[in-house]
Amino acid sequence: MVSNYRTKAGEIDIIVQNNETLAFVEVRYRRENSRRTGAETVTHKKSRKIAQTAEHFLATHKQCRDMPCRFDVISMGHSINLIKRAFILDG
């Protein structure tokens, strides 16, 4: 497991291997009285930054290049939810 992986492109909160899949995880917290959940704050721009950072990770960690990857979100507020495959990238 890797936490707080940073590049010039951005940061990934957690990178973890789950069976044969590499999961890039964004952790988002919102107060209980917030109108939006943590997951709802992951915008298209944020997901692109995460993807660019994931590409950098894969380029520098050759042993992970051929692994299937997914993007998850841990949304924290009045409850904690793990959303697997929270977003996918088009193109």
Protein backbone atom coordinates (compact mmCIF):
# COMPACT_ATOMS: atom_id res chain seq x y z
CA MET A 1 0.00 0.00 0.00
CA VAL A 2 1.15 3.52 -0.82
CA SER A 3 -0.39 6.62 0.72
CA ASN A 4 -0.16 10.24 -0.41
CA TYR A 5 1.56 9.56 -3.72
CA ARG A 6 2.43 13.00 -5.14
CA THR A 7 3.62 14.27 -8.51
CA LYS A 8 3.49 17.63 -10.26
CA ALA A 9 0.22 16.46 -11.83
CA GLY A 10 -1.49 15.81 -8.52
CA GLU A 11 -1.88 13.43 -5.59
CA ILE A 12 -3.48 10.07 -4.94
CA ASP A 13 -4.50 9.43 -1.35
CA ILE A 14 -4.13 5.63 -1.37
CA ILE A 15 -2.82 3.10 -3.87
CA VAL A 16 -3.53 -0.50 -2.91
CA GLN A 17 -3.52 -3.90 -4.57
CA ASN A 18 -6.83 -5.74 -4.21
CA ASN A 19 -6.33 -9.30 -5.47
CA GLU A 20 -4.92 -8.77 -8.97
CA THR A 21 -6.30 -5.22 -9.34
CA LEU A 22 -4.56 -1.98 -8.49
CA ALA A 23 -6.94 0.52 -6.86
CA PHE A 24 -6.26 4.26 -6.87
CA VAL A 25 -8.34 5.66 -4.02
CA GLU A 26 -9.45 9.24 -3.39
CA VAL A 27 -10.57 9.97 0.18
CA ARG A 28 -13.12 12.78 0.58
CA TYR A 29 -14.56 14.10 3.83
CA ARG A 30 -17.54 16.38 4.28
CA ARG A 31 -19.16 17.54 7.48
CA GLU A 32 -22.43 15.92 8.38
CA ASN A 33 -24.35 19.11 7.61
CA SER A 34 -22.81 19.48 4.15
CA ARG A 35 -25.20 19.49 1.21
CA ARG A 36 -22.97 17.20 -0.84
CA THR A 37 -21.31 13.90 -0.05
CA GLY A 38 -17.57 13.51 -0.34
CA ALA A 39 -18.03 11.41 -3.46
CA GLU A 40 -20.06 14.16 -5.13
CA THR A 41 -17.09 16.51 -4.85
CA VAL A 42 -14.92 14.42 -7.17
CA THR A 43 -15.29 16.50 -10.32
CA HIS A 44 -14.25 15.61 -13.85
CA LYS A 45 -11.20 17.85 -13.40
CA LYS A 46 -10.24 16.05 -10.18
CA SER A 47 -10.68 12.63 -11.77
CA ARG A 48 -8.40 13.68 -14.68
CA LYS A 49 -5.71 14.77 -12.18
CA ILE A 50 -5.99 11.46 -10.38
CA ALA A 51 -5.71 9.61 -13.70
CA GLN A 52 -2.62 11.60 -14.72
CA THR A 53 -1.02 10.83 -11.38
CA ALA A 54 -1.93 7.15 -11.77
CA GLU A 55 -0.27 7.14 -15.20
CA HIS A 56 2.90 8.52 -13.61
CA PHE A 57 2.76 5.84 -10.92
CA LEU A 58 2.41 3.08 -13.52
CA ALA A 59 5.25 4.53 -15.60
CA THR A 60 7.60 4.50 -12.61
CA HIS A 61 6.47 1.16 -11.13
CA LYS A 62 7.05 -1.28 -13.98
CA GLN A 63 5.84 -4.27 -11.95
CA CYS A 64 2.33 -2.75 -11.91
CA ARG A 65 1.99 -1.78 -15.58
CA ASP A 66 0.05 -4.84 -16.70
CA MET A 67 -2.31 -4.94 -13.72
CA PRO A 68 -5.98 -4.06 -14.18
CA CYS A 69 -6.70 -0.72 -12.49
CA ARG A 70 -9.72 0.98 -11.01
CA PHE A 71 -10.53 4.32 -9.39
CA ASP A 72 -12.33 4.21 -6.04
CA VAL A 73 -13.60 6.88 -3.67
CA ILE A 74 -13.92 6.66 0.10
CA SER A 75 -16.63 9.13 1.07
CA MET A 76 -16.75 10.11 4.72
CA GLY A 77 -19.37 12.17 6.53
CA HIS A 78 -22.22 10.84 8.63
CA SER A 79 -21.13 7.41 7.32
CA ILE A 80 -18.13 5.93 5.55
CA ASN A 81 -18.69 4.48 2.09
CA LEU A 82 -16.27 2.78 -0.28
CA ILE A 83 -17.35 3.32 -3.86
CA LYS A 84 -15.49 0.90 -6.12
CA ARG A 85 -15.09 2.02 -9.73
CA ALA A 86 -16.37 5.47 -8.73
CA PHE A 87 -15.37 6.84 -12.11
CA ILE A 88 -14.01 5.64 -15.40
CA LEU A 89 -12.01 7.52 -17.95
CA ASP A 90 -13.20 8.08 -21.47
CA GLY A 91 -10.31 8.08 -23.91
